[in-house]
Amino acid sequence: MNCIIINRNGDEIAVFLCNENRERLELGQHEITFLTGVIKHDMPQILGKNIASLNLANIGLLASIIFRKCVLRKCTTAEQQKLLKGTYALTTDYDSFCPKMAEITYKGRALCFDVSTISQTEIALLISEIYLMNQYNVSEEDIKDKVVVDAGAHIGSFAIQCAALGAKKVYAFEPVPEIYETLKKNIELNNFQEIIQPLNKAVGDANSTAEVSYNYAGDSSASLSLKPDARFRQKIDVIRLDDFLKDEKIDFIKMDIEGYEEKALIGAGNLIKKYKPTMSISAYHKPTDMKRLPEQIKSLRSDYK
């Protein structure tokens, strides 16, 4: 193990990709430099109206996450290569490798992920956001022996991180059936079936059905908000956390559900009032989120900071 990477919290991790021939490719800091979002000066010329329409009022970690999620995924591969310096993961060599599995050594444990259904950018984001940048700012102190809600679980990167940190239980909600199947597989690959409960449902403000829209099977930006240009739409079940988990003491709630956070918080109001869980809520999908979501949470419990 030669390519040790130090993440945001000072933990040592190692990253391997595996293809269908079981060949392994180890990624070091140089190979994933682009994950830090180092942007070239020709960004405005390439993206034009996309940049003009964004409100990047925050800085640091949040700004980097906003950029990748809201802009990078809308670009062609050629545009990505122009935008990002040191973009090893988008080169021809990587492309020809065709990774099917990712293995991340984290907290002394090898975590395995089926990445065969997600894009190159999604693989990069899985590694960068959760295991390098610790996007949701969790530690063993936050998670060990705790009950966690992961709303917007995708293929399980955060849920599995929580299990590796010693969570007692993780409820992992993923509404898109194709992504949900990969989530289940990744839970099994890591032998976390007793800890992580995958749920093929969305969370919202009412027990109902809704339509989810997305562009490909592993699309992490799948949304309950209507996307006129989406290639696929599917009916899915929506539940209120207050009803579904009414008998469970919840310690931590993570939500990254593409603009549906406000409604999901309404549906979790009683749990939040009763237990005051630690919360990590994505507040960048809508222009009003940075102001509105903290206000909404404080209206439920004024003692949130």
C-alpha atoms as a PDB file:
ATOM      1  CA  MET A   1       0.000   0.000   0.000  1.00  0.00           C
ATOM      2  CA  ASN A   2       2.050   2.936  -1.263  1.00  0.00           C
ATOM      3  CA  CYS A   3      -0.472   5.699  -2.029  1.00  0.00           C
ATOM      4  CA  ILE A   4      -1.636   6.749   1.413  1.00  0.00           C
ATOM      5  CA  ILE A   5      -3.918   9.788   1.332  1.00  0.00           C
ATOM      6  CA  ILE A   6      -4.583  12.004   4.348  1.00  0.00           C
ATOM      7  CA  ASN A   7      -8.187  13.167   4.470  1.00  0.00           C
ATOM      8  CA  ARG A   8      -9.719  16.317   5.946  1.00  0.00           C
ATOM      9  CA  ASN A   9      -9.760  14.812   9.458  1.00  0.00           C
ATOM     10  CA  GLY A  10      -6.197  13.532   9.332  1.00  0.00           C
ATOM     11  CA  ASP A  11      -7.194   9.906   8.738  1.00  0.00           C
ATOM     12  CA  GLU A  12      -5.089   7.736   6.461  1.00  0.00           C
ATOM     13  CA  ILE A  13      -7.016   6.192   3.581  1.00  0.00           C
ATOM     14  CA  ALA A  14      -6.134   4.224   0.475  1.00  0.00           C
ATOM     15  CA  VAL A  15      -8.219   3.955  -2.684  1.00  0.00           C
ATOM     16  CA  PHE A  16      -8.262   1.121  -5.215  1.00  0.00           C
ATOM     17  CA  LEU A  17     -10.368   0.640  -8.329  1.00  0.00           C
ATOM     18  CA  CYS A  18     -11.000  -2.799  -9.816  1.00  0.00           C
ATOM     19  CA  ASN A  19     -12.176  -3.700 -13.313  1.00  0.00           C
ATOM     20  CA  GLU A  20     -14.014  -6.746 -14.633  1.00  0.00           C
ATOM     21  CA  ASN A  21     -10.676  -8.549 -15.119  1.00  0.00           C
ATOM     22  CA  ARG A  22      -9.963  -8.076 -11.391  1.00  0.00           C
ATOM     23  CA  GLU A  23      -7.062  -5.767 -12.164  1.00  0.00           C
ATOM     24  CA  ARG A  24      -6.456  -3.216  -9.405  1.00  0.00           C
ATOM     25  CA  LEU A  25      -5.535   0.424  -9.848  1.00  0.00           C
ATOM     26  CA  GLU A  26      -4.379   2.333  -6.781  1.00  0.00           C
ATOM     27  CA  LEU A  27      -5.126   6.043  -6.728  1.00  0.00           C
ATOM     28  CA  GLY A  28      -2.856   8.459  -4.931  1.00  0.00           C
ATOM     29  CA  GLN A  29      -3.194  12.132  -4.110  1.00  0.00           C
ATOM     30  CA  HIS A  30      -1.946  13.167  -7.547  1.00  0.00           C
ATOM     31  CA  GLU A  31      -4.506  11.032  -9.363  1.00  0.00           C
ATOM     32  CA  ILE A  32      -7.406  12.584  -7.497  1.00  0.00           C
ATOM     33  CA  THR A  33      -6.175  16.172  -7.433  1.00  0.00           C
ATOM     34  CA  PHE A  34      -9.179  17.215  -9.458  1.00  0.00           C
ATOM     35  CA  LEU A  35     -11.457  16.214  -6.582  1.00  0.00           C
ATOM     36  CA  THR A  36     -10.405  19.353  -4.706  1.00  0.00           C
ATOM     37  CA  GLY A  37     -12.070  21.397  -7.438  1.00  0.00           C
ATOM     38  CA  VAL A  38      -9.056  23.390  -8.626  1.00  0.00           C
ATOM     39  CA  ILE A  39     -10.580  25.512 -11.371  1.00  0.00           C
ATOM     40  CA  LYS A  40      -8.902  27.059 -14.404  1.00  0.00           C
ATOM     41  CA  HIS A  41      -9.382  30.683 -15.381  1.00  0.00           C
ATOM     42  CA  ASP A  42     -11.351  29.806 -18.530  1.00  0.00           C
ATOM     43  CA  MET A  43     -14.261  28.458 -16.473  1.00  0.00           C
ATOM     44  CA  PRO A  44     -16.623  31.388 -17.274  1.00  0.00           C
ATOM     45  CA  GLN A  45     -15.996  31.054 -20.994  1.00  0.00           C
ATOM     46  CA  ILE A  46     -16.781  27.348 -20.920  1.00  0.00           C
ATOM     47  CA  LEU A  47     -19.865  27.456 -18.727  1.00  0.00           C
ATOM     48  CA  GLY A  48     -21.248  30.924 -19.389  1.00  0.00           C
ATOM     49  CA  LYS A  49     -24.852  31.013 -18.353  1.00  0.00           C
ATOM     50  CA  ASN A  50     -24.500  28.155 -15.851  1.00  0.00           C
ATOM     51  CA  ILE A  51     -22.065  30.155 -13.766  1.00  0.00           C
ATOM     52  CA  ALA A  52     -24.094  33.343 -14.137  1.00  0.00           C
ATOM     53  CA  SER A  53     -27.161  31.630 -12.697  1.00  0.00           C
ATOM     54  CA  LEU A  54     -25.449  30.279  -9.572  1.00  0.00           C
ATOM     55  CA  ASN A  55     -25.311  31.987  -6.210  1.00  0.00           C
ATOM     56  CA  LEU A  56     -22.019  30.841  -4.696  1.00  0.00           C
ATOM     57  CA  ALA A  57     -22.319  33.036  -1.635  1.00  0.00           C
ATOM     58  CA  ASN A  58     -20.656  30.541   0.697  1.00  0.00           C
ATOM     59  CA  ILE A  59     -16.956  29.682   0.645  1.00  0.00           C
ATOM     60  CA  GLY A  60     -14.621  26.806   1.353  1.00  0.00           C
ATOM     61  CA  LEU A  61     -15.996  23.299   1.531  1.00  0.00           C
ATOM     62  CA  LEU A  62     -19.603  24.193   0.733  1.00  0.00           C
ATOM     63  CA  ALA A  63     -18.623  26.246  -2.321  1.00  0.00           C
ATOM     64  CA  SER A  64     -16.536  23.361  -3.634  1.00  0.00           C
ATOM     65  CA  ILE A  65     -19.428  20.919  -3.182  1.00  0.00           C
ATOM     66  CA  ILE A  66     -21.889  23.303  -4.813  1.00  0.00           C
ATOM     67  CA  PHE A  67     -19.623  23.713  -7.814  1.00  0.00           C
ATOM     68  CA  ARG A  68     -19.220  20.027  -8.469  1.00  0.00           C
ATOM     69  CA  LYS A  69     -22.853  19.112  -7.917  1.00  0.00           C
ATOM     70  CA  CYS A  70     -24.506  22.026  -9.699  1.00  0.00           C
ATOM     71  CA  VAL A  71     -22.069  22.640 -12.528  1.00  0.00           C
ATOM     72  CA  LEU A  72     -19.590  19.852 -13.193  1.00  0.00           C
ATOM     73  CA  ARG A  73     -22.226  17.193 -13.807  1.00  0.00           C
ATOM     74  CA  LYS A  74     -23.828  19.353 -16.489  1.00  0.00           C
ATOM     75  CA  CYS A  75     -20.636  19.485 -18.535  1.00  0.00           C
ATOM     76  CA  THR A  76     -19.387  17.206 -21.244  1.00  0.00           C
ATOM     77  CA  THR A  77     -16.237  15.206 -20.543  1.00  0.00           C
ATOM     78  CA  ALA A  78     -14.242  17.605 -22.729  1.00  0.00           C
ATOM     79  CA  GLU A  79     -15.479  20.569 -20.691  1.00  0.00           C
ATOM     80  CA  GLN A  80     -14.630  18.787 -17.454  1.00  0.00           C
ATOM     81  CA  GLN A  81     -11.096  18.198 -18.687  1.00  0.00           C
ATOM     82  CA  LYS A  82     -10.696  21.894 -19.481  1.00  0.00           C
ATOM     83  CA  LEU A  83     -12.109  22.963 -16.142  1.00  0.00           C
ATOM     84  CA  LEU A  84     -10.113  20.741 -13.833  1.00  0.00           C
ATOM     85  CA  LYS A  85      -6.361  20.593 -13.436  1.00  0.00           C
ATOM     86  CA  GLY A  86      -4.718  17.206 -12.937  1.00  0.00           C
ATOM     87  CA  THR A  87      -7.847  15.385 -14.018  1.00  0.00           C
ATOM     88  CA  TYR A  88      -6.475  11.880 -13.986  1.00  0.00           C
ATOM     89  CA  ALA A  89      -9.859  10.223 -13.566  1.00  0.00           C
ATOM     90  CA  LEU A  90     -11.167  11.606 -16.833  1.00  0.00           C
ATOM     91  CA  THR A  91      -8.219  10.618 -18.982  1.00  0.00           C
ATOM     92  CA  THR A  92      -8.192   7.941 -21.653  1.00  0.00           C
ATOM     93  CA  ASP A  93      -6.158   5.593 -19.417  1.00  0.00           C
ATOM     94  CA  TYR A  94      -8.798   5.671 -16.718  1.00  0.00           C
ATOM     95  CA  ASP A  95     -11.598   5.405 -19.250  1.00  0.00           C
ATOM     96  CA  SER A  96     -10.117   2.233 -20.721  1.00  0.00           C
ATOM     97  CA  PHE A  97      -9.747   0.730 -17.235  1.00  0.00           C
ATOM     98  CA  CYS A  98     -13.567   0.721 -16.790  1.00  0.00           C
ATOM     99  CA  PRO A  99     -13.781   0.422 -12.995  1.00  0.00           C
ATOM    100  CA  LYS A 100     -16.493  -1.863 -11.654  1.00  0.00           C
ATOM    101  CA  MET A 101     -15.564  -1.825  -7.966  1.00  0.00           C
ATOM    102  CA  ALA A 102     -14.000   0.675  -5.591  1.00  0.00           C
ATOM    103  CA  GLU A 103     -12.194  -0.303  -2.406  1.00  0.00           C
ATOM    104  CA  ILE A 104     -11.481   2.336   0.222  1.00  0.00           C
ATOM    105  CA  THR A 105      -9.372   1.567   3.273  1.00  0.00           C
ATOM    106  CA  TYR A 106     -10.951   3.653   6.036  1.00  0.00           C
ATOM    107  CA  LYS A 107     -10.556   3.378   9.809  1.00  0.00           C
ATOM    108  CA  GLY A 108      -8.526   0.208   9.304  1.00  0.00           C
ATOM    109  CA  ARG A 109     -11.258  -1.488   7.312  1.00  0.00           C
ATOM    110  CA  ALA A 110     -11.509  -2.188   3.565  1.00  0.00           C
ATOM    111  CA  LEU A 111     -14.869  -0.847   2.364  1.00  0.00           C
ATOM    112  CA  CYS A 112     -16.108  -2.146  -0.989  1.00  0.00           C
ATOM    113  CA  PHE A 113     -18.496  -0.486  -3.435  1.00  0.00           C
ATOM    114  CA  ASP A 114     -20.088  -1.672  -6.638  1.00  0.00           C
ATOM    115  CA  VAL A 115     -19.589   1.359  -8.915  1.00  0.00           C
ATOM    116  CA  SER A 116     -20.513  -0.325 -12.190  1.00  0.00           C
ATOM    117  CA  THR A 117     -23.754   1.641 -12.587  1.00  0.00           C
ATOM    118  CA  ILE A 118     -22.443   5.129 -11.853  1.00  0.00           C
ATOM    119  CA  SER A 119     -20.447   7.596 -13.920  1.00  0.00           C
ATOM    120  CA  GLN A 120     -16.764   8.488 -13.594  1.00  0.00           C
ATOM    121  CA  THR A 121     -17.704  11.759 -11.940  1.00  0.00           C
ATOM    122  CA  GLU A 122     -19.974   9.945  -9.466  1.00  0.00           C
ATOM    123  CA  ILE A 123     -17.149   7.559  -8.534  1.00  0.00           C
ATOM    124  CA  ALA A 124     -14.908  10.553  -7.931  1.00  0.00           C
ATOM    125  CA  LEU A 125     -17.535  12.296  -5.817  1.00  0.00           C
ATOM    126  CA  LEU A 126     -18.117   9.165  -3.723  1.00  0.00           C
ATOM    127  CA  ILE A 127     -14.440   9.093  -2.810  1.00  0.00           C
ATOM    128  CA  SER A 128     -13.961  12.841  -2.451  1.00  0.00           C
ATOM    129  CA  GLU A 129     -17.059  14.038  -0.641  1.00  0.00           C
ATOM    130  CA  ILE A 130     -17.419  11.257   1.924  1.00  0.00           C
ATOM    131  CA  TYR A 131     -13.968   9.821   2.530  1.00  0.00           C
ATOM    132  CA  LEU A 132     -11.622  12.721   1.711  1.00  0.00           C
ATOM    133  CA  MET A 133     -13.628  15.813   2.599  1.00  0.00           C
ATOM    134  CA  ASN A 134     -15.977  14.241   5.176  1.00  0.00           C
ATOM    135  CA  GLN A 135     -18.755  16.363   3.705  1.00  0.00           C
ATOM    136  CA  TYR A 136     -21.234  15.639   6.515  1.00  0.00           C
ATOM    137  CA  ASN A 137     -18.627  16.312   9.217  1.00  0.00           C
ATOM    138  CA  VAL A 138     -19.075  13.091  11.193  1.00  0.00           C
ATOM    139  CA  SER A 139     -16.760  11.373  13.650  1.00  0.00           C
ATOM    140  CA  GLU A 140     -16.872   8.279  15.849  1.00  0.00           C
ATOM    141  CA  GLU A 141     -18.038  10.504  18.703  1.00  0.00           C
ATOM    142  CA  ASP A 142     -21.054  11.615  16.618  1.00  0.00           C
ATOM    143  CA  ILE A 143     -21.978   8.181  15.278  1.00  0.00           C
ATOM    144  CA  LYS A 144     -20.817   5.320  17.532  1.00  0.00           C
ATOM    145  CA  ASP A 145     -23.807   3.464  19.035  1.00  0.00           C
ATOM    146  CA  LYS A 146     -26.188   6.024  17.507  1.00  0.00           C
ATOM    147  CA  VAL A 147     -29.271   5.645  15.287  1.00  0.00           C
ATOM    148  CA  VAL A 148     -28.833   7.434  11.961  1.00  0.00           C
ATOM    149  CA  VAL A 149     -31.222   8.462   9.189  1.00  0.00           C
ATOM    150  CA  ASP A 150     -29.604   8.716   5.744  1.00  0.00           C
ATOM    151  CA  ALA A 151     -32.126  10.391   3.441  1.00  0.00           C
ATOM    152  CA  GLY A 152     -30.785  10.251  -0.091  1.00  0.00           C
ATOM    153  CA  ALA A 153     -28.535   7.244   0.470  1.00  0.00           C
ATOM    154  CA  HIS A 154     -27.592   6.733  -3.219  1.00  0.00           C
ATOM    155  CA  ILE A 155     -25.286   3.680  -3.384  1.00  0.00           C
ATOM    156  CA  GLY A 156     -24.526   3.778   0.334  1.00  0.00           C
ATOM    157  CA  SER A 157     -21.333   5.802   0.695  1.00  0.00           C
ATOM    158  CA  PHE A 158     -22.482   7.738   3.787  1.00  0.00           C
ATOM    159  CA  ALA A 159     -24.498   4.888   5.316  1.00  0.00           C
ATOM    160  CA  ILE A 160     -21.459   2.621   5.061  1.00  0.00           C
ATOM    161  CA  GLN A 161     -19.219   5.340   6.508  1.00  0.00           C
ATOM    162  CA  CYS A 162     -21.567   5.504   9.515  1.00  0.00           C
ATOM    163  CA  ALA A 163     -21.543   1.733   9.932  1.00  0.00           C
ATOM    164  CA  ALA A 164     -17.734   1.790   9.814  1.00  0.00           C
ATOM    165  CA  LEU A 165     -17.782   4.461  12.542  1.00  0.00           C
ATOM    166  CA  GLY A 166     -19.819   2.159  14.794  1.00  0.00           C
ATOM    167  CA  ALA A 167     -23.433   3.236  14.253  1.00  0.00           C
ATOM    168  CA  LYS A 168     -26.016   1.126  16.065  1.00  0.00           C
ATOM    169  CA  LYS A 169     -28.537   1.416  13.210  1.00  0.00           C
ATOM    170  CA  VAL A 170     -28.728   3.280   9.899  1.00  0.00           C
ATOM    171  CA  TYR A 171     -31.997   3.781   8.025  1.00  0.00           C
ATOM    172  CA  ALA A 172     -30.905   4.355   4.424  1.00  0.00           C
ATOM    173  CA  PHE A 173     -33.649   5.828   2.219  1.00  0.00           C
ATOM    174  CA  GLU A 174     -33.134   5.629  -1.568  1.00  0.00           C
ATOM    175  CA  PRO A 175     -36.205   6.012  -3.811  1.00  0.00           C
ATOM    176  CA  VAL A 176     -34.768   5.166  -7.250  1.00  0.00           C
ATOM    177  CA  PRO A 177     -35.143   1.378  -7.744  1.00  0.00           C
ATOM    178  CA  GLU A 178     -31.956   0.913  -9.792  1.00  0.00           C
ATOM    179  CA  ILE A 179     -29.830   2.809  -7.271  1.00  0.00           C
ATOM    180  CA  TYR A 180     -31.557   1.017  -4.397  1.00  0.00           C
ATOM    181  CA  GLU A 181     -30.441  -2.360  -5.794  1.00  0.00           C
ATOM    182  CA  THR A 182     -26.825  -1.174  -5.804  1.00  0.00           C
ATOM    183  CA  LEU A 183     -27.271   0.181  -2.270  1.00  0.00           C
ATOM    184  CA  LYS A 184     -28.406  -3.261  -1.089  1.00  0.00           C
ATOM    185  CA  LYS A 185     -25.478  -4.931  -2.835  1.00  0.00           C
ATOM    186  CA  ASN A 186     -22.964  -2.576  -1.218  1.00  0.00           C
ATOM    187  CA  ILE A 187     -24.432  -3.196   2.221  1.00  0.00           C
ATOM    188  CA  GLU A 188     -24.004  -6.936   1.658  1.00  0.00           C
ATOM    189  CA  LEU A 189     -20.472  -6.536   0.271  1.00  0.00           C
ATOM    190  CA  ASN A 190     -19.456  -4.929   3.553  1.00  0.00           C
ATOM    191  CA  ASN A 191     -21.458  -7.290   5.810  1.00  0.00           C
ATOM    192  CA  PHE A 192     -23.469  -4.434   7.298  1.00  0.00           C
ATOM    193  CA  GLN A 193     -26.906  -6.074   6.910  1.00  0.00           C
ATOM    194  CA  GLU A 194     -27.467  -6.033  10.682  1.00  0.00           C
ATOM    195  CA  ILE A 195     -26.688  -2.322  10.913  1.00  0.00           C
ATOM    196  CA  ILE A 196     -27.987  -0.709   7.710  1.00  0.00           C
ATOM    197  CA  GLN A 197     -31.633  -1.077   6.729  1.00  0.00           C
ATOM    198  CA  PRO A 198     -32.109  -0.081   3.069  1.00  0.00           C
ATOM    199  CA  LEU A 199     -35.503   1.419   2.248  1.00  0.00           C
ATOM    200  CA  ASN A 200     -36.775   1.948  -1.291  1.00  0.00           C
ATOM    201  CA  LYS A 201     -38.665   5.099  -0.314  1.00  0.00           C
ATOM    202  CA  ALA A 202     -38.346   8.868  -0.340  1.00  0.00           C
ATOM    203  CA  VAL A 203     -38.933  11.065   2.701  1.00  0.00           C
ATOM    204  CA  GLY A 204     -41.317  14.007   2.606  1.00  0.00           C
ATOM    205  CA  ASP A 205     -44.159  15.829   4.337  1.00  0.00           C
ATOM    206  CA  ALA A 206     -46.890  13.248   3.624  1.00  0.00           C
ATOM    207  CA  ASN A 207     -47.299   9.498   3.199  1.00  0.00           C
ATOM    208  CA  SER A 208     -48.000   9.376  -0.516  1.00  0.00           C
ATOM    209  CA  THR A 209     -46.620   8.542  -3.928  1.00  0.00           C
ATOM    210  CA  ALA A 210     -44.617  10.898  -6.102  1.00  0.00           C
ATOM    211  CA  GLU A 211     -42.685  10.932  -9.354  1.00  0.00           C
ATOM    212  CA  VAL A 212     -38.900  10.893  -9.299  1.00  0.00           C
ATOM    213  CA  SER A 213     -37.006  12.171 -12.340  1.00  0.00           C
ATOM    214  CA  TYR A 214     -33.448  11.276 -13.326  1.00  0.00           C
ATOM    215  CA  ASN A 215     -31.170  10.903 -16.340  1.00  0.00           C
ATOM    216  CA  TYR A 216     -29.459   7.534 -15.788  1.00  0.00           C
ATOM    217  CA  ALA A 217     -29.606   4.594 -13.400  1.00  0.00           C
ATOM    218  CA  GLY A 218     -26.958   5.854 -10.964  1.00  0.00           C
ATOM    219  CA  ASP A 219     -27.891   9.540 -11.125  1.00  0.00           C
ATOM    220  CA  SER A 220     -27.307  10.989  -7.645  1.00  0.00           C
ATOM    221  CA  SER A 221     -29.214  14.129  -8.630  1.00  0.00           C
ATOM    222  CA  ALA A 222     -32.486  12.198  -9.020  1.00  0.00           C
ATOM    223  CA  SER A 223     -35.182  14.548  -7.786  1.00  0.00           C
ATOM    224  CA  LEU A 224     -38.808  14.639  -6.690  1.00  0.00           C
ATOM    225  CA  SER A 225     -38.908  18.123  -8.195  1.00  0.00           C
ATOM    226  CA  LEU A 226     -39.960  17.974 -11.833  1.00  0.00           C
ATOM    227  CA  LYS A 227     -37.041  18.088 -14.285  1.00  0.00           C
ATOM    228  CA  PRO A 228     -38.412  18.902 -17.738  1.00  0.00           C
ATOM    229  CA  ASP A 229     -35.299  17.517 -19.453  1.00  0.00           C
ATOM    230  CA  ALA A 230     -35.078  14.274 -17.425  1.00  0.00           C
ATOM    231  CA  ARG A 231     -34.817  11.076 -19.463  1.00  0.00           C
ATOM    232  CA  PHE A 232     -36.618   8.869 -16.925  1.00  0.00           C
ATOM    233  CA  ARG A 233     -39.520   9.239 -14.502  1.00  0.00           C
ATOM    234  CA  GLN A 234     -40.843   6.714 -12.004  1.00  0.00           C
ATOM    235  CA  LYS A 235     -43.542   6.557  -9.364  1.00  0.00           C
ATOM    236  CA  ILE A 236     -42.113   6.034  -5.888  1.00  0.00           C
ATOM    237  CA  ASP A 237     -43.369   5.816  -2.306  1.00  0.00           C
ATOM    238  CA  VAL A 238     -42.938   8.791   0.024  1.00  0.00           C
ATOM    239  CA  ILE A 239     -43.103   8.493   3.821  1.00  0.00           C
ATOM    240  CA  ARG A 240     -43.070  10.871   6.781  1.00  0.00           C
ATOM    241  CA  LEU A 241     -40.217  10.119   9.156  1.00  0.00           C
ATOM    242  CA  ASP A 242     -42.511  10.998  12.075  1.00  0.00           C
ATOM    243  CA  ASP A 243     -44.762   8.079  11.143  1.00  0.00           C
ATOM    244  CA  PHE A 244     -42.213   5.578   9.856  1.00  0.00           C
ATOM    245  CA  LEU A 245     -39.820   5.968  12.807  1.00  0.00           C
ATOM    246  CA  LYS A 246     -42.260   7.080  15.500  1.00  0.00           C
ATOM    247  CA  ASP A 247     -41.006   4.478  17.993  1.00  0.00           C
ATOM    248  CA  GLU A 248     -37.288   5.021  17.288  1.00  0.00           C
ATOM    249  CA  LYS A 249     -34.971   7.467  19.050  1.00  0.00           C
ATOM    250  CA  ILE A 250     -33.088   9.169  16.232  1.00  0.00           C
ATOM    251  CA  ASP A 251     -29.643  10.599  17.001  1.00  0.00           C
ATOM    252  CA  PHE A 252     -28.429  11.842  13.605  1.00  0.00           C
ATOM    253  CA  ILE A 253     -30.215  12.912  10.415  1.00  0.00           C
ATOM    254  CA  LYS A 254     -28.448  13.449   7.106  1.00  0.00           C
ATOM    255  CA  MET A 255     -30.463  14.783   4.158  1.00  0.00           C
ATOM    256  CA  ASP A 256     -29.228  15.308   0.615  1.00  0.00           C
ATOM    257  CA  ILE A 257     -32.416  14.965  -1.404  1.00  0.00           C
ATOM    258  CA  GLU A 258     -32.092  17.451  -4.247  1.00  0.00           C
ATOM    259  CA  GLY A 259     -34.314  20.261  -3.021  1.00  0.00           C
ATOM    260  CA  TYR A 260     -36.849  18.198  -1.067  1.00  0.00           C
ATOM    261  CA  GLU A 261     -35.215  18.902   2.291  1.00  0.00           C
ATOM    262  CA  GLU A 262     -37.812  21.456   3.414  1.00  0.00           C
ATOM    263  CA  LYS A 263     -40.698  19.013   2.978  1.00  0.00           C
ATOM    264  CA  ALA A 264     -38.733  16.187   4.575  1.00  0.00           C
ATOM    265  CA  LEU A 265     -38.056  18.352   7.631  1.00  0.00           C
ATOM    266  CA  ILE A 266     -41.781  19.054   7.927  1.00  0.00           C
ATOM    267  CA  GLY A 267     -42.368  15.295   7.955  1.00  0.00           C
ATOM    268  CA  ALA A 268     -39.718  14.846  10.670  1.00  0.00           C
ATOM    269  CA  GLY A 269     -40.888  17.712  12.887  1.00  0.00           C
ATOM    270  CA  ASN A 270     -42.007  15.611  15.843  1.00  0.00           C
ATOM    271  CA  LEU A 271     -38.799  13.545  15.872  1.00  0.00           C
ATOM    272  CA  ILE A 272     -36.720  16.711  15.790  1.00  0.00           C
ATOM    273  CA  LYS A 273     -38.717  18.336  18.600  1.00  0.00           C
ATOM    274  CA  LYS A 274     -38.560  15.224  20.771  1.00  0.00           C
ATOM    275  CA  TYR A 275     -34.970  14.049  20.298  1.00  0.00           C
ATOM    276  CA  LYS A 276     -32.987  17.017  18.934  1.00  0.00           C
ATOM    277  CA  PRO A 277     -30.878  14.843  16.617  1.00  0.00           C
ATOM    278  CA  THR A 278     -27.636  16.153  15.207  1.00  0.00           C
ATOM    279  CA  MET A 279     -28.415  17.166  11.631  1.00  0.00           C
ATOM    280  CA  SER A 280     -26.424  17.550   8.447  1.00  0.00           C
ATOM    281  CA  ILE A 281     -28.766  19.012   5.842  1.00  0.00           C
ATOM    282  CA  SER A 282     -27.716  19.936   2.309  1.00  0.00           C
ATOM    283  CA  ALA A 283     -28.632  23.591   1.847  1.00  0.00           C
ATOM    284  CA  TYR A 284     -27.557  24.382  -1.695  1.00  0.00           C
ATOM    285  CA  HIS A 285     -30.206  22.956  -4.011  1.00  0.00           C
ATOM    286  CA  LYS A 286     -32.419  26.061  -3.945  1.00  0.00           C
ATOM    287  CA  PRO A 287     -31.376  29.736  -3.746  1.00  0.00           C
ATOM    288  CA  THR A 288     -33.381  30.139  -0.514  1.00  0.00           C
ATOM    289  CA  ASP A 289     -32.044  27.028   1.250  1.00  0.00           C
ATOM    290  CA  MET A 290     -29.138  28.704   3.065  1.00  0.00           C
ATOM    291  CA  LYS A 291     -31.575  31.028   4.824  1.00  0.00           C
ATOM    292  CA  ARG A 292     -34.802  29.058   4.895  1.00  0.00           C
ATOM    293  CA  LEU A 293     -33.662  25.649   6.186  1.00  0.00           C
ATOM    294  CA  PRO A 294     -31.872  26.903   9.341  1.00  0.00           C
ATOM    295  CA  GLU A 295     -34.921  29.049  10.118  1.00  0.00           C
ATOM    296  CA  GLN A 296     -37.176  26.030   9.675  1.00  0.00           C
ATOM    297  CA  ILE A 297     -35.063  23.897  12.012  1.00  0.00           C
ATOM    298  CA  LYS A 298     -34.914  26.610  14.678  1.00  0.00           C
ATOM    299  CA  SER A 299     -38.693  26.997  14.486  1.00  0.00           C
ATOM    300  CA  LEU A 300     -38.917  23.361  15.599  1.00  0.00           C
ATOM    301  CA  ARG A 301     -36.347  23.749  18.377  1.00  0.00           C
ATOM    302  CA  SER A 302     -34.889  27.120  19.235  1.00  0.00           C
ATOM    303  CA  ASP A 303     -31.889  25.537  20.997  1.00  0.00           C
ATOM    304  CA  TYR A 304     -30.259  24.465  17.716  1.00  0.00           C
ATOM    305  CA  LYS A 305     -27.162  26.552  17.034  1.00  0.00           C
END
